[in-house]
PDB file of N, CA and C in Angstrom:
ATOM      1  N   MET A   1      33.148 118.652 -20.620  1.00  0.00           N
ATOM      2  CA  MET A   1      33.825 118.027 -21.739  1.00  0.00           C
ATOM      3  C   MET A   1      34.084 116.575 -21.368  1.00  0.00           C
ATOM      4  N   SER A   2      33.481 115.679 -22.056  1.00  0.00           N
ATOM      5  CA  SER A   2      33.612 114.263 -21.755  1.00  0.00           C
ATOM      6  C   SER A   2      35.053 113.809 -21.961  1.00  0.00           C
ATOM      7  N   GLY A   3      35.664 113.290 -20.912  1.00  0.00           N
ATOM      8  CA  GLY A   3      37.041 112.841 -21.004  1.00  0.00           C
ATOM      9  C   GLY A   3      38.050 113.953 -20.861  1.00  0.00           C
ATOM     10  N   GLY A   4      37.707 115.165 -21.149  1.00  0.00           N
ATOM     11  CA  GLY A   4      38.618 116.299 -21.020  1.00  0.00           C
ATOM     12  C   GLY A   4      39.723 116.277 -22.060  1.00  0.00           C
ATOM     13  N   PRO A   5      40.418 117.406 -22.228  1.00  0.00           N
ATOM     14  CA  PRO A   5      41.480 117.469 -23.220  1.00  0.00           C
ATOM     15  C   PRO A   5      42.710 116.674 -22.779  1.00  0.00           C
ATOM     16  N   LEU A   6      43.377 116.065 -23.740  1.00  0.00           N
ATOM     17  CA  LEU A   6      44.613 115.328 -23.511  1.00  0.00           C
ATOM     18  C   LEU A   6      45.754 116.102 -24.161  1.00  0.00           C
ATOM     19  N   PHE A   7      46.774 116.416 -23.372  1.00  0.00           N
ATOM     20  CA  PHE A   7      47.946 117.136 -23.859  1.00  0.00           C
ATOM     21  C   PHE A   7      49.109 116.147 -23.878  1.00  0.00           C
ATOM     22  N   ARG A   8      49.653 115.883 -25.074  1.00  0.00           N
ATOM     23  CA  ARG A   8      50.716 114.881 -25.198  1.00  0.00           C
ATOM     24  C   ARG A   8      51.768 115.379 -26.201  1.00  0.00           C
ATOM     25  N   PRO A   9      52.567 116.386 -25.821  1.00  0.00           N
ATOM     26  CA  PRO A   9      53.590 116.874 -26.756  1.00  0.00           C
ATOM     27  C   PRO A   9      54.659 115.817 -26.991  1.00  0.00           C
ATOM     28  N   ARG A  10      55.085 115.692 -28.250  1.00  0.00           N
ATOM     29  CA  ARG A  10      56.109 114.711 -28.614  1.00  0.00           C
ATOM     30  C   ARG A  10      57.116 115.362 -29.550  1.00  0.00           C
ATOM     31  N   PRO A  11      58.114 116.053 -28.997  1.00  0.00           N
ATOM     32  CA  PRO A  11      59.119 116.684 -29.862  1.00  0.00           C
ATOM     33  C   PRO A  11      59.953 115.627 -30.576  1.00  0.00           C
ATOM     34  N   GLY A  12      60.489 116.010 -31.703  1.00  0.00           N
ATOM     35  CA  GLY A  12      61.345 115.086 -32.436  1.00  0.00           C
ATOM     36  C   GLY A  12      61.976 115.775 -33.629  1.00  0.00           C
ATOM     37  N   GLY A  13      63.037 115.193 -34.121  1.00  0.00           N
ATOM     38  CA  GLY A  13      63.720 115.777 -35.265  1.00  0.00           C
ATOM     39  C   GLY A  13      64.249 117.155 -34.938  1.00  0.00           C
ATOM     40  N   ASP A  14      64.070 118.075 -35.862  1.00  0.00           N
ATOM     41  CA  ASP A  14      64.552 119.443 -35.663  1.00  0.00           C
ATOM     42  C   ASP A  14      63.514 120.350 -35.023  1.00  0.00           C
ATOM     43  N   THR A  15      62.350 119.832 -34.708  1.00  0.00           N
ATOM     44  CA  THR A  15      61.292 120.643 -34.113  1.00  0.00           C
ATOM     45  C   THR A  15      61.597 120.890 -32.645  1.00  0.00           C
ATOM     46  N   THR A  16      61.739 122.149 -32.259  1.00  0.00           N
ATOM     47  CA  THR A  16      62.063 122.494 -30.865  1.00  0.00           C
ATOM     48  C   THR A  16      60.935 123.229 -30.166  1.00  0.00           C
ATOM     49  N   TRP A  17      59.863 123.550 -30.880  1.00  0.00           N
ATOM     50  CA  TRP A  17      58.711 124.190 -30.259  1.00  0.00           C
ATOM     51  C   TRP A  17      57.480 123.999 -31.145  1.00  0.00           C
ATOM     52  N   ALA A  18      56.327 124.158 -30.527  1.00  0.00           N
ATOM     53  CA  ALA A  18      55.058 124.110 -31.267  1.00  0.00           C
ATOM     54  C   ALA A  18      53.977 124.769 -30.414  1.00  0.00           C
ATOM     55  N   ARG A  19      52.909 125.176 -31.071  1.00  0.00           N
ATOM     56  CA  ARG A  19      51.757 125.709 -30.335  1.00  0.00           C
ATOM     57  C   ARG A  19      50.495 125.481 -31.145  1.00  0.00           C
ATOM     58  N   THR A  20      49.396 125.290 -30.409  1.00  0.00           N
ATOM     59  CA  THR A  20      48.098 125.103 -31.041  1.00  0.00           C
ATOM     60  C   THR A  20      47.011 125.530 -30.063  1.00  0.00           C
ATOM     61  N   ARG A  21      45.864 125.809 -30.600  1.00  0.00           N
ATOM     62  CA  ARG A  21      44.694 126.136 -29.766  1.00  0.00           C
ATOM     63  C   ARG A  21      43.447 125.711 -30.517  1.00  0.00           C
ATOM     64  N   HIS A  22      42.419 125.399 -29.740  1.00  0.00           N
ATOM     65  CA  HIS A  22      41.167 124.954 -30.333  1.00  0.00           C
ATOM     66  C   HIS A  22      40.023 125.519 -29.500  1.00  0.00           C
ATOM     67  N   GLU A  23      39.070 126.135 -30.172  1.00  0.00           N
ATOM     68  CA  GLU A  23      37.893 126.660 -29.484  1.00  0.00           C
ATOM     69  C   GLU A  23      36.858 125.541 -29.387  1.00  0.00           C
ATOM     70  N   THR A  24      36.464 125.209 -28.168  1.00  0.00           N
ATOM     71  CA  THR A  24      35.453 124.179 -27.937  1.00  0.00           C
ATOM     72  C   THR A  24      34.191 124.849 -27.409  1.00  0.00           C
ATOM     73  N   PRO A  25      33.098 124.136 -27.309  1.00  0.00           N
ATOM     74  CA  PRO A  25      31.894 124.706 -26.697  1.00  0.00           C
ATOM     75  C   PRO A  25      32.119 125.096 -25.231  1.00  0.00           C
ATOM     76  N   TYR A  26      33.179 124.568 -24.615  1.00  0.00           N
ATOM     77  CA  TYR A  26      33.467 124.832 -23.202  1.00  0.00           C
ATOM     78  C   TYR A  26      34.469 125.951 -23.005  1.00  0.00           C
ATOM     79  N   GLY A  27      35.159 126.345 -24.064  1.00  0.00           N
ATOM     80  CA  GLY A  27      36.193 127.371 -23.979  1.00  0.00           C
ATOM     81  C   GLY A  27      37.426 126.944 -24.757  1.00  0.00           C
ATOM     82  N   THR A  28      38.491 127.698 -24.590  1.00  0.00           N
ATOM     83  CA  THR A  28      39.719 127.462 -25.339  1.00  0.00           C
ATOM     84  C   THR A  28      40.570 126.366 -24.705  1.00  0.00           C
ATOM     85  N   VAL A  29      41.015 125.433 -25.542  1.00  0.00           N
ATOM     86  CA  VAL A  29      42.017 124.437 -25.163  1.00  0.00           C
ATOM     87  C   VAL A  29      43.283 124.841 -25.911  1.00  0.00           C
ATOM     88  N   ALA A  30      44.399 124.982 -25.201  1.00  0.00           N
ATOM     89  CA  ALA A  30      45.626 125.423 -25.856  1.00  0.00           C
ATOM     90  C   ALA A  30      46.831 124.670 -25.309  1.00  0.00           C
ATOM     91  N   LEU A  31      47.820 124.494 -26.175  1.00  0.00           N
ATOM     92  CA  LEU A  31      49.088 123.880 -25.799  1.00  0.00           C
ATOM     93  C   LEU A  31      50.198 124.579 -26.558  1.00  0.00           C
ATOM     94  N   SER A  32      51.230 124.974 -25.836  1.00  0.00           N
ATOM     95  CA  SER A  32      52.476 125.396 -26.479  1.00  0.00           C
ATOM     96  C   SER A  32      53.595 124.724 -25.711  1.00  0.00           C
ATOM     97  N   TRP A  33      54.649 124.340 -26.429  1.00  0.00           N
ATOM     98  CA  TRP A  33      55.768 123.706 -25.754  1.00  0.00           C
ATOM     99  C   TRP A  33      57.068 124.128 -26.418  1.00  0.00           C
ATOM    100  N   GLU A  34      58.141 124.022 -25.615  1.00  0.00           N
ATOM    101  CA  GLU A  34      59.477 124.347 -26.107  1.00  0.00           C
ATOM    102  C   GLU A  34      60.471 123.363 -25.519  1.00  0.00           C
ATOM    103  N   GLN A  35      61.347 122.864 -26.375  1.00  0.00           N
ATOM    104  CA  GLN A  35      62.415 121.955 -25.959  1.00  0.00           C
ATOM    105  C   GLN A  35      63.687 122.774 -25.791  1.00  0.00           C
ATOM    106  N   THR A  36      64.284 122.747 -24.586  1.00  0.00           N
ATOM    107  CA  THR A  36      65.538 123.447 -24.322  1.00  0.00           C
ATOM    108  C   THR A  36      66.547 122.454 -23.764  1.00  0.00           C
ATOM    109  N   SER A  37      67.708 122.937 -23.416  1.00  0.00           N
ATOM    110  CA  SER A  37      68.728 122.061 -22.833  1.00  0.00           C
ATOM    111  C   SER A  37      68.289 121.513 -21.479  1.00  0.00           C
ATOM    112  N   LYS A  38      67.335 122.177 -20.831  1.00  0.00           N
ATOM    113  CA  LYS A  38      66.816 121.729 -19.535  1.00  0.00           C
ATOM    114  C   LYS A  38      65.650 120.758 -19.674  1.00  0.00           C
ATOM    115  N   GLY A  39      65.209 120.516 -20.902  1.00  0.00           N
ATOM    116  CA  GLY A  39      64.080 119.622 -21.129  1.00  0.00           C
ATOM    117  C   GLY A  39      62.899 120.353 -21.725  1.00  0.00           C
ATOM    118  N   LEU A  40      61.767 119.704 -21.712  1.00  0.00           N
ATOM    119  CA  LEU A  40      60.548 120.233 -22.313  1.00  0.00           C
ATOM    120  C   LEU A  40      59.745 121.024 -21.289  1.00  0.00           C
ATOM    121  N   THR A  41      59.273 122.189 -21.688  1.00  0.00           N
ATOM    122  CA  THR A  41      58.345 122.968 -20.882  1.00  0.00           C
ATOM    123  C   THR A  41      57.085 123.171 -21.706  1.00  0.00           C
ATOM    124  N   ALA A  42      55.932 122.868 -21.100  1.00  0.00           N
ATOM    125  CA  ALA A  42      54.648 122.996 -21.789  1.00  0.00           C
ATOM    126  C   ALA A  42      53.763 123.993 -21.054  1.00  0.00           C
ATOM    127  N   ARG A  43      53.062 124.791 -21.817  1.00  0.00           N
ATOM    128  CA  ARG A  43      52.056 125.705 -21.277  1.00  0.00           C
ATOM    129  C   ARG A  43      50.716 125.244 -21.821  1.00  0.00           C
ATOM    130  N   ILE A  44      49.774 124.995 -20.923  1.00  0.00           N
ATOM    131  CA  ILE A  44      48.482 124.480 -21.354  1.00  0.00           C
ATOM    132  C   ILE A  44      47.357 125.323 -20.782  1.00  0.00           C
ATOM    133  N   ALA A  45      46.231 125.306 -21.471  1.00  0.00           N
ATOM    134  CA  ALA A  45      45.014 125.972 -21.001  1.00  0.00           C
ATOM    135  C   ALA A  45      43.870 124.965 -21.054  1.00  0.00           C
ATOM    136  N   VAL A  46      43.184 124.841 -19.928  1.00  0.00           N
ATOM    137  CA  VAL A  46      42.040 123.934 -19.784  1.00  0.00           C
ATOM    138  C   VAL A  46      40.806 124.794 -19.515  1.00  0.00           C
ATOM    139  N   PRO A  47      39.708 124.594 -20.256  1.00  0.00           N
ATOM    140  CA  PRO A  47      38.512 125.403 -20.047  1.00  0.00           C
ATOM    141  C   PRO A  47      37.864 125.171 -18.674  1.00  0.00           C
ATOM    142  N   GLU A  48      37.121 126.145 -18.223  1.00  0.00           N
ATOM    143  CA  GLU A  48      36.355 126.029 -16.973  1.00  0.00           C
ATOM    144  C   GLU A  48      35.422 124.826 -17.052  1.00  0.00           C
ATOM    145  N   GLY A  49      35.288 124.135 -15.956  1.00  0.00           N
ATOM    146  CA  GLY A  49      34.397 122.985 -15.895  1.00  0.00           C
ATOM    147  C   GLY A  49      34.988 121.710 -16.472  1.00  0.00           C
ATOM    148  N   CYS A  50      36.254 121.752 -16.858  1.00  0.00           N
ATOM    149  CA  CYS A  50      36.912 120.590 -17.460  1.00  0.00           C
ATOM    150  C   CYS A  50      38.154 120.210 -16.663  1.00  0.00           C
ATOM    151  N   ASP A  51      38.534 118.970 -16.772  1.00  0.00           N
ATOM    152  CA  ASP A  51      39.809 118.500 -16.252  1.00  0.00           C
ATOM    153  C   ASP A  51      40.592 117.941 -17.425  1.00  0.00           C
ATOM    154  N   GLY A  52      41.879 118.216 -17.454  1.00  0.00           N
ATOM    155  CA  GLY A  52      42.717 117.730 -18.532  1.00  0.00           C
ATOM    156  C   GLY A  52      43.641 116.628 -18.052  1.00  0.00           C
ATOM    157  N   THR A  53      44.347 116.037 -18.987  1.00  0.00           N
ATOM    158  CA  THR A  53      45.416 115.095 -18.693  1.00  0.00           C
ATOM    159  C   THR A  53      46.621 115.536 -19.504  1.00  0.00           C
ATOM    160  N   ALA A  54      47.765 115.663 -18.834  1.00  0.00           N
ATOM    161  CA  ALA A  54      49.002 116.045 -19.507  1.00  0.00           C
ATOM    162  C   ALA A  54      50.001 114.907 -19.383  1.00  0.00           C
ATOM    163  N   GLU A  55      50.548 114.483 -20.512  1.00  0.00           N
ATOM    164  CA  GLU A  55      51.535 113.407 -20.549  1.00  0.00           C
ATOM    165  C   GLU A  55      52.781 113.914 -21.248  1.00  0.00           C
ATOM    166  N   LEU A  56      53.738 114.406 -20.471  1.00  0.00           N
ATOM    167  CA  LEU A  56      55.009 114.829 -21.028  1.00  0.00           C
ATOM    168  C   LEU A  56      55.924 113.613 -21.155  1.00  0.00           C
ATOM    169  N   PRO A  57      56.839 113.618 -22.127  1.00  0.00           N
ATOM    170  CA  PRO A  57      57.713 112.458 -22.328  1.00  0.00           C
ATOM    171  C   PRO A  57      58.456 112.066 -21.048  1.00  0.00           C
ATOM    172  N   ARG A  58      58.491 110.767 -20.784  1.00  0.00           N
ATOM    173  CA  ARG A  58      59.222 110.183 -19.652  1.00  0.00           C
ATOM    174  C   ARG A  58      58.782 110.729 -18.294  1.00  0.00           C
ATOM    175  N   CYS A  59      57.539 111.199 -18.195  1.00  0.00           N
ATOM    176  CA  CYS A  59      56.996 111.718 -16.934  1.00  0.00           C
ATOM    177  C   CYS A  59      55.655 111.046 -16.662  1.00  0.00           C
ATOM    178  N   PRO A  60      55.311 110.921 -15.376  1.00  0.00           N
ATOM    179  CA  PRO A  60      53.985 110.388 -15.073  1.00  0.00           C
ATOM    180  C   PRO A  60      52.904 111.387 -15.496  1.00  0.00           C
ATOM    181  N   PRO A  61      51.724 110.913 -15.872  1.00  0.00           N
ATOM    182  CA  PRO A  61      50.638 111.832 -16.251  1.00  0.00           C
ATOM    183  C   PRO A  61      50.218 112.697 -15.068  1.00  0.00           C
ATOM    184  N   VAL A  62      49.775 113.902 -15.364  1.00  0.00           N
ATOM    185  CA  VAL A  62      49.206 114.801 -14.360  1.00  0.00           C
ATOM    186  C   VAL A  62      47.834 115.226 -14.836  1.00  0.00           C
ATOM    187  N   ALA A  63      46.997 115.650 -13.892  1.00  0.00           N
ATOM    188  CA  ALA A  63      45.613 116.011 -14.206  1.00  0.00           C
ATOM    189  C   ALA A  63      45.350 117.464 -13.825  1.00  0.00           C
ATOM    190  N   PRO A  64      45.727 118.400 -14.687  1.00  0.00           N
ATOM    191  CA  PRO A  64      45.478 119.802 -14.386  1.00  0.00           C
ATOM    192  C   PRO A  64      43.995 120.150 -14.499  1.00  0.00           C
ATOM    193  N   GLY A  65      43.521 120.954 -13.584  1.00  0.00           N
ATOM    194  CA  GLY A  65      42.145 121.434 -13.625  1.00  0.00           C
ATOM    195  C   GLY A  65      42.031 122.646 -14.532  1.00  0.00           C
ATOM    196  N   PRO A  66      40.912 123.333 -14.452  1.00  0.00           N
ATOM    197  CA  PRO A  66      40.692 124.504 -15.296  1.00  0.00           C
ATOM    198  C   PRO A  66      41.740 125.589 -15.051  1.00  0.00           C
ATOM    199  N   GLY A  67      42.078 126.322 -16.110  1.00  0.00           N
ATOM    200  CA  GLY A  67      43.015 127.431 -15.995  1.00  0.00           C
ATOM    201  C   GLY A  67      44.241 127.209 -16.857  1.00  0.00           C
ATOM    202  N   GLU A  68      45.222 128.082 -16.649  1.00  0.00           N
ATOM    203  CA  GLU A  68      46.472 128.005 -17.396  1.00  0.00           C
ATOM    204  C   GLU A  68      47.542 127.415 -16.501  1.00  0.00           C
ATOM    205  N   HIS A  69      48.369 126.532 -17.071  1.00  0.00           N
ATOM    206  CA  HIS A  69      49.377 125.810 -16.296  1.00  0.00           C
ATOM    207  C   HIS A  69      50.688 125.767 -17.061  1.00  0.00           C
ATOM    208  N   VAL A  70      51.797 125.773 -16.323  1.00  0.00           N
ATOM    209  CA  VAL A  70      53.120 125.575 -16.902  1.00  0.00           C
ATOM    210  C   VAL A  70      53.676 124.300 -16.294  1.00  0.00           C
ATOM    211  N   LEU A  71      54.051 123.353 -17.147  1.00  0.00           N
ATOM    212  CA  LEU A  71      54.586 122.066 -16.704  1.00  0.00           C
ATOM    213  C   LEU A  71      55.965 121.879 -17.306  1.00  0.00           C
ATOM    214  N   SER A  72      56.914 121.420 -16.495  1.00  0.00           N
ATOM    215  CA  SER A  72      58.244 121.144 -17.028  1.00  0.00           C
ATOM    216  C   SER A  72      58.624 119.707 -16.720  1.00  0.00           C
ATOM    217  N   MET A  73      59.337 119.099 -17.655  1.00  0.00           N
ATOM    218  CA  MET A  73      59.780 117.722 -17.452  1.00  0.00           C
ATOM    219  C   MET A  73      60.645 117.616 -16.205  1.00  0.00           C
ATOM    220  N   ALA A  74      61.516 118.585 -15.966  1.00  0.00           N
ATOM    221  CA  ALA A  74      62.415 118.540 -14.814  1.00  0.00           C
ATOM    222  C   ALA A  74      61.630 118.525 -13.507  1.00  0.00           C
ATOM    223  N   GLU A  75      60.621 119.377 -13.384  1.00  0.00           N
ATOM    224  CA  GLU A  75      59.823 119.431 -12.155  1.00  0.00           C
ATOM    225  C   GLU A  75      58.985 118.174 -11.978  1.00  0.00           C
ATOM    226  N   LEU A  76      58.368 117.687 -13.043  1.00  0.00           N
ATOM    227  CA  LEU A  76      57.544 116.483 -12.939  1.00  0.00           C
ATOM    228  C   LEU A  76      58.392 115.260 -12.585  1.00  0.00           C
ATOM    229  N   ALA A  77      59.586 115.153 -13.158  1.00  0.00           N
ATOM    230  CA  ALA A  77      60.467 114.034 -12.842  1.00  0.00           C
ATOM    231  C   ALA A  77      60.925 114.103 -11.387  1.00  0.00           C
ATOM    232  N   ALA A  78      61.213 115.300 -10.890  1.00  0.00           N
ATOM    233  CA  ALA A  78      61.638 115.460  -9.502  1.00  0.00           C
ATOM    234  C   ALA A  78      60.512 115.084  -8.543  1.00  0.00           C
ATOM    235  N   ARG A  79      59.277 115.446  -8.891  1.00  0.00           N
ATOM    236  CA  ARG A  79      58.123 115.083  -8.055  1.00  0.00           C
ATOM    237  C   ARG A  79      57.921 113.571  -7.976  1.00  0.00           C
ATOM    238  N   ALA A  80      58.192 112.902  -9.094  1.00  0.00           N
ATOM    239  CA  ALA A  80      57.969 111.460  -9.157  1.00  0.00           C
ATOM    240  C   ALA A  80      59.066 110.667  -8.439  1.00  0.00           C
ATOM    241  N   ALA A  81      60.227 111.290  -8.252  1.00  0.00           N
ATOM    242  CA  ALA A  81      61.365 110.570  -7.629  1.00  0.00           C
ATOM    243  C   ALA A  81      61.190 110.399  -6.135  1.00  0.00           C
TER     244      ALA A  81
END
């Protein structure tokens, strides 16, 4: 997948969760996220043979490889500190 999938959840207003998935020629790309009192947690799926980029609010970008991943703003911020 040229460039790979980009995951960039942007909660706002009264929206506290969302989910989506897309079937590509390489496999399923999926994102679900939930905003809680602890911050945003995102679950992503990257197809085999692809690399993704995840940009959670106020966190440095990460580059998850193929598979399913759980990313939290709290953990990413702690890693960057």
